[in-house]
């Protein structure tokens, strides 16, 4: 890693630890069920969360580029913390609807802004080549912290749900303190000025026009397929809690399995740089989709040890893909509108995740948790089929003038 990149890396890694110390993440479904909500109602809340987050992505991305990416992150994390505290105050479903709407807006403020801030701070130091390595460590620390927090959350829940949710809120507020004290602010105009006038002549362009300039068919396909990947992975991780419980696992054991899965998922991103160099996201992406399809199918067997083993063995692979695809997106969009364009991409992903929650929740209510999971395996299979033309044609994702290298031993480009 370049020496200039270390000043950016250290505070971001500390921020990753604090921002992912979410003790409720592994057991929040059980919290909602204990409040008297059905699996369908939980699915609706999660769908609302991601749909609101998706709808808020574009305006919050524009705000991040205009007023500052760090400021957008701060607003988002404070809002999420307030919503977590609010969930302790009521058992009324409509109150939870309002809180999940606020939580979704907070997520939109953070998503796109954090990676755009990190990438452009590296660009400022001429160290963007280290992004995959730093991003993988950022993801690793965040995921490992999530796993540890889930284990601790299961223990805190034995005392009180208040410790679980209040503890998460405090950690989010501490992450804001670290970010404001150690990470400099940067806006879209600042970023483009750092790159020797990159984007000159487009000063009056909007984020929408910038998106049209970079939206190659391959990039659009990548956005959709990445969205379907997340629309599979996120509901799968969350509803595995209910599947394990339905198959006979108690709450403490569910927390341990989910936490271990997060730990496994936290270590695998360290392989991202090697995967990018030797295989590339073009190949890793369909492999991840097929792995997810297999995990969902195995959950339908109704055997708790098979469900747990599939979750632990396969949950980490898509995390590598997420890092590589994120790097591809950052390389494909211009600095001036990076947060806005990444937010547009996240908008698509959020909408698909929200729909995924709704579909999986309906399948689990209608067919049972295991059979519903197995039926949902059709989604990653469909995404894999959509990606195959891009893979075999080696279609270009970026609009750069120079052709992408295509050595025989590297399918990345």
Protein backbone atom coordinates (compact mmCIF):
# COMPACT_ATOMS: atom_id res chain seq x y z
CA UNK A 1 0.00 0.00 0.00
CA UNK A 2 1.24 3.48 -0.85
CA UNK A 3 2.35 5.52 2.12
CA UNK A 4 0.05 8.38 1.05
CA UNK A 5 -2.95 6.07 1.33
CA UNK A 6 -2.38 5.19 4.99
CA UNK A 7 -3.65 8.54 6.26
CA UNK A 8 -6.96 7.78 4.55
CA UNK A 9 -7.09 4.11 5.48
CA UNK A 10 -6.71 4.21 9.25
CA UNK A 11 -9.66 6.46 10.15
CA UNK A 12 -11.86 4.69 7.59
CA UNK A 13 -11.06 1.32 9.13
CA UNK A 14 -11.93 2.61 12.60
CA UNK A 15 -15.12 4.05 11.18
CA UNK A 16 -15.91 0.65 9.63
CA UNK A 17 -15.61 -1.05 13.03
CA UNK A 18 -17.91 1.40 14.79
CA UNK A 19 -20.46 1.76 11.99
CA UNK A 20 -20.87 -2.02 11.83
CA UNK A 21 -21.22 -2.61 15.57
CA UNK A 22 -24.92 -3.28 15.08
CA UNK A 23 -25.91 -5.69 17.83
CA UNK A 24 -29.48 -6.10 16.55
CA UNK A 25 -28.53 -7.24 13.05
CA UNK A 26 -28.51 -10.98 13.79
CA UNK A 27 -31.68 -11.06 15.88
CA UNK A 28 -33.82 -8.13 14.76
CA UNK A 29 -36.23 -10.46 12.93
CA UNK A 30 -36.80 -12.25 16.21
CA UNK A 31 -37.34 -8.85 17.86
CA UNK A 32 -40.03 -7.99 15.32
CA UNK A 33 -41.67 -11.40 15.66
CA UNK A 34 -41.67 -10.96 19.44
CA UNK A 35 -43.47 -7.65 18.90
CA UNK A 36 -46.26 -9.71 17.35
CA UNK A 37 -45.56 -9.17 13.66
CA UNK A 38 -45.88 -11.99 11.11
CA UNK A 39 -43.19 -13.02 8.62
CA UNK A 40 -45.17 -11.22 5.93
CA UNK A 41 -45.26 -8.02 7.98
CA UNK A 42 -41.53 -8.28 8.62
CA UNK A 43 -40.98 -8.73 4.88
CA UNK A 44 -43.13 -5.66 4.19
CA UNK A 45 -41.06 -3.60 6.64
CA UNK A 46 -37.84 -4.72 4.97
CA UNK A 47 -39.31 -4.06 1.53
CA UNK A 48 -40.35 -0.59 2.64
CA UNK A 49 -36.87 0.00 4.08
CA UNK A 50 -35.14 -0.74 0.80
CA UNK A 51 -37.71 0.89 -1.44
CA UNK A 52 -37.51 4.13 0.56
CA UNK A 53 -33.73 3.86 0.56
CA UNK A 54 -33.80 3.40 -3.20
CA UNK A 55 -36.12 6.35 -3.81
CA UNK A 56 -33.96 8.56 -1.59
CA UNK A 57 -30.70 7.50 -3.29
CA UNK A 58 -30.74 10.03 -6.12
CA UNK A 59 -31.53 13.18 -4.06
CA UNK A 60 -29.13 12.18 -1.28
CA UNK A 61 -26.41 11.42 -3.84
CA UNK A 62 -26.82 14.87 -5.37
CA UNK A 63 -26.68 16.40 -1.89
CA UNK A 64 -23.51 14.45 -1.12
CA UNK A 65 -21.84 15.80 -4.25
CA UNK A 66 -22.99 19.36 -3.53
CA UNK A 67 -22.63 19.83 0.26
CA UNK A 68 -20.11 17.11 1.00
CA UNK A 69 -19.90 13.34 1.21
CA UNK A 70 -18.81 13.30 4.82
CA UNK A 71 -21.76 15.52 5.77
CA UNK A 72 -24.15 13.12 4.05
CA UNK A 73 -22.71 10.16 5.99
CA UNK A 74 -23.05 12.04 9.28
CA UNK A 75 -26.70 12.89 8.61
CA UNK A 76 -27.46 9.30 7.66
CA UNK A 77 -25.82 7.63 10.66
CA UNK A 78 -27.45 10.02 13.14
CA UNK A 79 -30.85 9.35 11.55
CA UNK A 80 -30.36 5.57 11.69
CA UNK A 81 -29.32 5.78 15.35
CA UNK A 82 -32.48 7.75 16.17
CA UNK A 83 -34.66 5.18 14.39
CA UNK A 84 -33.06 2.28 16.28
CA UNK A 85 -33.81 4.00 19.57
CA UNK A 86 -37.35 4.68 18.42
CA UNK A 87 -38.05 0.98 17.89
CA UNK A 88 -37.78 0.42 21.63
CA UNK A 89 -40.61 2.84 22.33
CA UNK A 90 -43.61 1.11 20.73
CA UNK A 91 -45.19 -2.13 19.58
CA UNK A 92 -47.49 -0.40 17.08
CA UNK A 93 -46.90 -1.58 13.52
CA UNK A 94 -47.51 1.84 11.96
CA UNK A 95 -44.93 3.39 14.26
CA UNK A 96 -42.45 0.83 12.96
CA UNK A 97 -43.44 1.73 9.39
CA UNK A 98 -42.48 5.36 10.07
CA UNK A 99 -39.20 4.32 11.72
CA UNK A 100 -38.26 2.04 8.83
CA UNK A 101 -38.93 4.90 6.42
CA UNK A 102 -36.53 7.10 8.39
CA UNK A 103 -34.01 4.27 8.54
CA UNK A 104 -34.21 3.91 4.76
CA UNK A 105 -33.48 7.60 4.23
CA UNK A 106 -30.50 7.28 6.56
CA UNK A 107 -29.18 4.32 4.57
CA UNK A 108 -29.47 6.33 1.37
CA UNK A 109 -27.44 9.17 2.89
CA UNK A 110 -24.61 6.76 3.72
CA UNK A 111 -24.60 4.50 0.65
CA UNK A 112 -22.57 5.81 -2.25
CA UNK A 113 -21.18 8.62 -0.10
CA UNK A 114 -18.81 6.40 1.89
CA UNK A 115 -17.20 4.64 -1.08
CA UNK A 116 -17.15 7.86 -3.13
CA UNK A 117 -15.41 9.67 -0.27
CA UNK A 118 -12.85 6.90 0.13
CA UNK A 119 -12.17 6.58 -3.60
CA UNK A 120 -11.76 10.30 -4.22
CA UNK A 121 -9.54 10.80 -1.18
CA UNK A 122 -7.29 8.11 -2.65
CA UNK A 123 -7.44 9.88 -6.03
CA UNK A 124 -6.36 13.09 -4.29
CA UNK A 125 -3.25 11.26 -3.09
CA UNK A 126 -2.62 9.45 -6.37
CA UNK A 127 -3.31 6.12 -4.71
CA UNK A 128 -6.52 4.95 -6.41
CA UNK A 129 -4.70 1.79 -7.50
CA UNK A 130 -4.87 0.68 -3.86
CA UNK A 131 -8.67 0.98 -3.75
CA UNK A 132 -9.46 -2.73 -4.11
CA UNK A 133 -7.00 -3.64 -1.36
CA UNK A 134 -8.25 -0.92 1.00
CA UNK A 135 -11.90 -1.56 0.16
CA UNK A 136 -11.46 -5.26 0.86
CA UNK A 137 -9.97 -4.48 4.28
CA UNK A 138 -12.77 -2.00 4.93
CA UNK A 139 -15.32 -4.70 4.06
CA UNK A 140 -13.47 -7.35 6.03
CA UNK A 141 -13.33 -5.28 9.21
CA UNK A 142 -16.95 -4.22 8.84
CA UNK A 143 -18.17 -7.78 8.31
CA UNK A 144 -16.05 -9.31 11.07
CA UNK A 145 -17.23 -6.58 13.41
CA UNK A 146 -20.83 -7.33 12.40
CA UNK A 147 -20.30 -10.98 13.27
CA UNK A 148 -18.81 -10.17 16.64
CA UNK A 149 -21.59 -7.67 17.31
CA UNK A 150 -24.23 -10.27 16.47
CA UNK A 151 -22.72 -12.72 18.97
CA UNK A 152 -22.63 -10.00 21.61
CA UNK A 153 -26.14 -8.91 20.63
CA UNK A 154 -27.47 -12.39 21.33
CA UNK A 155 -25.97 -12.21 24.79
CA UNK A 156 -27.21 -8.66 25.41
CA UNK A 157 -30.70 -9.73 24.41
CA UNK A 158 -30.75 -12.15 27.33
CA UNK A 159 -30.66 -9.08 29.57
CA UNK A 160 -32.77 -6.64 27.57
CA UNK A 161 -33.59 -5.60 24.03
CA UNK A 162 -32.74 -2.08 25.20
CA UNK A 163 -29.06 -2.98 25.52
CA UNK A 164 -29.11 -4.35 21.97
CA UNK A 165 -30.66 -1.34 20.25
CA UNK A 166 -29.21 1.42 22.44
CA UNK A 167 -25.73 -0.09 22.10
CA UNK A 168 -26.03 -0.04 18.31
CA UNK A 169 -27.13 3.60 18.34
CA UNK A 170 -24.20 4.64 20.53
CA UNK A 171 -21.70 2.95 18.21
CA UNK A 172 -23.16 4.73 15.19
CA UNK A 173 -22.81 8.07 16.93
CA UNK A 174 -19.19 7.27 17.82
CA UNK A 175 -18.51 6.45 14.16
CA UNK A 176 -19.72 9.95 13.29
CA UNK A 177 -17.28 11.44 15.79
CA UNK A 178 -14.36 9.52 14.24
CA UNK A 179 -15.36 10.54 10.72
CA UNK A 180 -15.69 14.25 11.48
CA UNK A 181 -12.47 14.34 13.50
CA UNK A 182 -10.18 12.31 11.21
CA UNK A 183 -11.53 12.35 7.65
CA UNK A 184 -11.51 15.55 5.53
CA UNK A 185 -14.61 16.67 3.66
CA UNK A 186 -14.73 16.38 -0.11
CA UNK A 187 -17.34 17.32 -2.70
CA UNK A 188 -17.80 16.36 -6.31
CA UNK A 189 -16.19 19.55 -7.59
CA UNK A 190 -13.21 19.03 -5.26
CA UNK A 191 -12.72 15.52 -6.59
CA UNK A 192 -12.76 16.44 -10.26
CA UNK A 193 -10.37 19.33 -9.65
CA UNK A 194 -7.90 16.91 -8.13
CA UNK A 195 -7.68 14.96 -11.37
CA UNK A 196 -6.01 17.59 -13.54
CA UNK A 197 -9.26 18.98 -14.84
CA UNK A 198 -10.91 15.67 -15.55
CA UNK A 199 -14.41 16.31 -16.68
CA UNK A 200 -13.54 19.76 -18.06
CA UNK A 201 -16.18 20.99 -20.41
CA UNK A 202 -18.92 19.26 -18.47
CA UNK A 203 -19.23 21.82 -15.69
CA UNK A 204 -22.87 22.46 -16.50
CA UNK A 205 -23.75 18.80 -16.96
CA UNK A 206 -26.19 17.08 -14.67
CA UNK A 207 -25.76 13.72 -13.01
CA UNK A 208 -28.40 12.32 -15.37
CA UNK A 209 -26.43 13.43 -18.44
CA UNK A 210 -23.28 12.01 -16.92
CA UNK A 211 -25.07 8.70 -16.42
CA UNK A 212 -26.17 8.66 -20.08
CA UNK A 213 -22.55 9.24 -21.17
CA UNK A 214 -21.22 6.25 -19.23
CA UNK A 215 -24.23 3.90 -19.48
CA UNK A 216 -22.92 1.26 -21.87
CA UNK A 217 -25.13 -1.82 -22.32
CA UNK A 218 -22.59 -3.86 -20.36
CA UNK A 219 -22.66 -1.38 -17.47
CA UNK A 220 -26.46 -1.38 -17.39
CA UNK A 221 -26.43 -5.18 -17.33
CA UNK A 222 -23.85 -5.13 -14.53
CA UNK A 223 -26.09 -2.81 -12.49
CA UNK A 224 -29.11 -5.09 -12.92
CA UNK A 225 -27.20 -8.31 -12.23
CA UNK A 226 -25.47 -6.78 -9.21
CA UNK A 227 -28.88 -5.68 -7.96
CA UNK A 228 -30.23 -9.23 -8.33
CA UNK A 229 -27.17 -10.54 -6.49
CA UNK A 230 -27.92 -8.24 -3.54
CA UNK A 231 -31.65 -8.97 -3.86
CA UNK A 232 -30.74 -12.61 -3.26
CA UNK A 233 -27.98 -12.28 -0.68
CA UNK A 234 -29.57 -9.73 1.67
CA UNK A 235 -32.96 -11.46 2.15
CA UNK A 236 -31.18 -14.82 2.33
CA UNK A 237 -29.00 -13.68 5.22
CA UNK A 238 -31.90 -12.10 7.10
CA UNK A 239 -34.48 -14.85 6.62
CA UNK A 240 -32.00 -17.61 7.40
CA UNK A 241 -32.75 -16.60 11.00
CA UNK A 242 -36.36 -17.70 10.60
CA UNK A 243 -35.45 -20.80 8.58
CA UNK A 244 -33.06 -22.04 11.26
CA UNK A 245 -35.59 -21.30 13.99
CA UNK A 246 -38.33 -23.15 12.08
CA UNK A 247 -36.02 -26.14 11.68
CA UNK A 248 -35.46 -26.38 15.44
CA UNK A 249 -32.59 -24.03 16.36
CA UNK A 250 -33.03 -21.86 19.45
CA UNK A 251 -32.39 -18.11 19.50
CA UNK A 252 -28.88 -18.32 20.93
CA UNK A 253 -27.82 -20.92 18.35
CA UNK A 254 -29.31 -18.85 15.52
CA UNK A 255 -27.26 -15.87 16.67
CA UNK A 256 -24.08 -17.96 16.71
CA UNK A 257 -24.67 -19.30 13.19
CA UNK A 258 -25.45 -15.89 11.72
CA UNK A 259 -22.49 -14.33 13.51
CA UNK A 260 -20.13 -17.04 12.26
CA UNK A 261 -21.42 -16.46 8.76
CA UNK A 262 -20.58 -12.78 9.09
CA UNK A 263 -17.10 -13.68 10.31
CA UNK A 264 -16.55 -15.98 7.34
CA UNK A 265 -17.90 -13.28 5.05
CA UNK A 266 -15.55 -10.80 6.66
CA UNK A 267 -12.43 -12.79 5.90
CA UNK A 268 -13.19 -13.63 2.27
CA UNK A 269 -12.92 -10.02 0.99
CA UNK A 270 -9.18 -10.26 1.71
CA UNK A 271 -9.09 -12.47 -1.37
CA UNK A 272 -10.57 -9.70 -3.53
CA UNK A 273 -7.28 -8.35 -4.86
CA UNK A 274 -6.09 -11.81 -5.86
CA UNK A 275 -9.48 -12.61 -7.41
CA UNK A 276 -9.40 -9.34 -9.39
CA UNK A 277 -5.91 -10.08 -10.67
CA UNK A 278 -6.36 -13.76 -11.54
CA UNK A 279 -10.05 -14.15 -12.41
CA UNK A 280 -11.86 -10.82 -12.51
CA UNK A 281 -15.36 -9.77 -11.62
CA UNK A 282 -16.72 -10.99 -14.96
CA UNK A 283 -16.20 -14.61 -13.90
CA UNK A 284 -16.58 -14.21 -10.13
CA UNK A 285 -20.05 -12.68 -10.56
CA UNK A 286 -21.79 -15.72 -12.15
CA UNK A 287 -19.96 -18.07 -9.79
CA UNK A 288 -21.34 -16.12 -6.81
CA UNK A 289 -24.85 -16.27 -8.23
CA UNK A 290 -24.70 -20.04 -8.68
CA UNK A 291 -23.30 -20.42 -5.16
CA UNK A 292 -26.25 -18.46 -3.77
CA UNK A 293 -28.68 -20.59 -5.76
CA UNK A 294 -27.11 -23.73 -4.28
CA UNK A 295 -27.33 -22.33 -0.73
CA UNK A 296 -31.01 -21.48 -1.18
CA UNK A 297 -31.74 -24.90 -2.60
CA UNK A 298 -30.01 -26.71 0.27
CA UNK A 299 -32.09 -24.70 2.75
CA UNK A 300 -35.17 -26.36 1.29
CA UNK A 301 -34.14 -29.80 2.52
CA UNK A 302 -35.52 -28.99 5.96
CA UNK A 303 -32.40 -30.14 7.84
CA UNK A 304 -31.08 -27.55 10.28
CA UNK A 305 -27.47 -28.73 10.05
CA UNK A 306 -27.57 -28.61 6.23
CA UNK A 307 -29.02 -25.09 6.28
CA UNK A 308 -26.40 -23.93 8.78
CA UNK A 309 -23.53 -25.60 6.89
CA UNK A 310 -24.63 -24.13 3.55
CA UNK A 311 -24.92 -20.68 5.08
CA UNK A 312 -21.48 -20.86 6.70
CA UNK A 313 -19.74 -22.36 3.68
CA UNK A 314 -21.23 -20.16 0.97
CA UNK A 315 -22.15 -16.80 2.52
CA UNK A 316 -18.69 -15.30 2.13
CA UNK A 317 -18.21 -15.77 -1.61
CA UNK A 318 -20.58 -12.95 -2.73
CA UNK A 319 -18.67 -10.53 -0.48
CA UNK A 320 -15.64 -10.83 -2.78
CA UNK A 321 -17.86 -10.11 -5.77
CA UNK A 322 -19.32 -7.02 -4.08
CA UNK A 323 -15.83 -5.49 -3.66
CA UNK A 324 -14.84 -6.18 -7.28
CA UNK A 325 -18.11 -4.86 -8.71
CA UNK A 326 -17.87 -1.77 -6.51
CA UNK A 327 -14.41 -1.08 -7.95
CA UNK A 328 -15.78 -1.49 -11.49
CA UNK A 329 -18.50 1.05 -10.76
CA UNK A 330 -16.03 3.58 -9.33
CA UNK A 331 -13.81 3.24 -12.37
CA UNK A 332 -16.75 3.68 -14.73
CA UNK A 333 -18.20 6.94 -13.36
CA UNK A 334 -16.68 10.47 -13.38
CA UNK A 335 -15.48 12.07 -10.16
CA UNK A 336 -17.70 15.15 -10.28
CA UNK A 337 -20.87 13.07 -10.07
CA UNK A 338 -19.48 9.95 -8.40
CA UNK A 339 -21.73 10.01 -5.33
CA UNK A 340 -24.79 10.84 -7.47
CA UNK A 341 -24.14 8.10 -9.99
CA UNK A 342 -23.29 5.51 -7.35
CA UNK A 343 -26.53 6.47 -5.63
CA UNK A 344 -28.44 5.87 -8.87
CA UNK A 345 -26.85 2.43 -9.07
CA UNK A 346 -27.72 1.77 -5.45
CA UNK A 347 -31.27 2.93 -6.19
CA UNK A 348 -31.67 0.03 -8.63
CA UNK A 349 -30.14 -2.38 -6.14
CA UNK A 350 -32.36 -1.12 -3.31
CA UNK A 351 -35.53 -1.48 -5.35
CA UNK A 352 -34.58 -5.02 -6.31
CA UNK A 353 -33.71 -5.85 -2.69
CA UNK A 354 -37.06 -4.48 -1.54
CA UNK A 355 -38.91 -6.56 -4.12
CA UNK A 356 -36.77 -9.54 -3.15
CA UNK A 357 -37.82 -9.25 0.49
CA UNK A 358 -41.46 -9.09 -0.55
CA UNK A 359 -41.21 -12.11 -2.85
CA UNK A 360 -39.19 -14.24 -0.43
CA UNK A 361 -41.46 -13.33 2.47
CA UNK A 362 -44.52 -14.36 0.44
CA UNK A 363 -42.85 -17.62 -0.61
CA UNK A 364 -41.90 -18.45 2.97
CA UNK A 365 -45.41 -17.68 4.23
CA UNK A 366 -47.02 -19.74 1.46
CA UNK A 367 -44.62 -22.69 1.15
CA UNK A 368 -42.84 -22.65 4.51
CA UNK A 369 -39.38 -21.25 5.30
CA UNK A 370 -37.34 -24.05 3.73
CA UNK A 371 -39.39 -24.56 0.57
CA UNK A 372 -39.72 -20.80 0.12
CA UNK A 373 -35.94 -20.43 0.23
CA UNK A 374 -35.53 -23.21 -2.36
CA UNK A 375 -38.04 -21.62 -4.73
CA UNK A 376 -36.23 -18.27 -4.47
CA UNK A 377 -33.13 -19.88 -6.00
CA UNK A 378 -34.66 -19.04 -9.39
CA UNK A 379 -33.63 -15.38 -8.90
CA UNK A 380 -29.81 -15.86 -8.90
CA UNK A 381 -30.13 -18.37 -11.74
CA UNK A 382 -31.97 -15.73 -13.79
CA UNK A 383 -29.29 -13.15 -12.98
CA UNK A 384 -26.59 -15.56 -14.10
CA UNK A 385 -28.34 -16.06 -17.44
CA UNK A 386 -28.55 -12.28 -17.94
CA UNK A 387 -24.80 -11.94 -17.38
CA UNK A 388 -23.67 -14.72 -19.75
CA UNK A 389 -23.84 -12.58 -22.96
CA UNK A 390 -21.56 -9.95 -21.37
CA UNK A 391 -19.18 -12.65 -20.16
CA UNK A 392 -18.83 -14.45 -23.47
CA UNK A 393 -18.76 -11.34 -25.65
CA UNK A 394 -16.38 -9.57 -23.27
CA UNK A 395 -18.47 -6.43 -23.71
CA UNK A 396 -16.95 -3.27 -22.25
CA UNK A 397 -18.36 -1.77 -19.06
CA UNK A 398 -16.55 1.58 -19.30
CA UNK A 399 -16.52 4.18 -22.07
CA UNK A 400 -12.78 4.84 -21.91
CA UNK A 401 -11.08 5.44 -25.22
CA UNK A 402 -8.33 2.91 -24.69
CA UNK A 403 -9.38 -0.70 -25.21
CA UNK A 404 -9.41 -2.99 -22.25
CA UNK A 405 -6.60 -5.57 -22.15
CA UNK A 406 -7.70 -9.15 -22.66
CA UNK A 407 -4.80 -11.45 -21.78
CA UNK A 408 -5.63 -15.14 -22.00
CA UNK A 409 -5.02 -15.66 -18.29
CA UNK A 410 -7.19 -12.76 -17.12
CA UNK A 411 -10.92 -12.47 -17.77
CA UNK A 412 -11.21 -9.30 -15.74
CA UNK A 413 -11.33 -6.87 -18.62
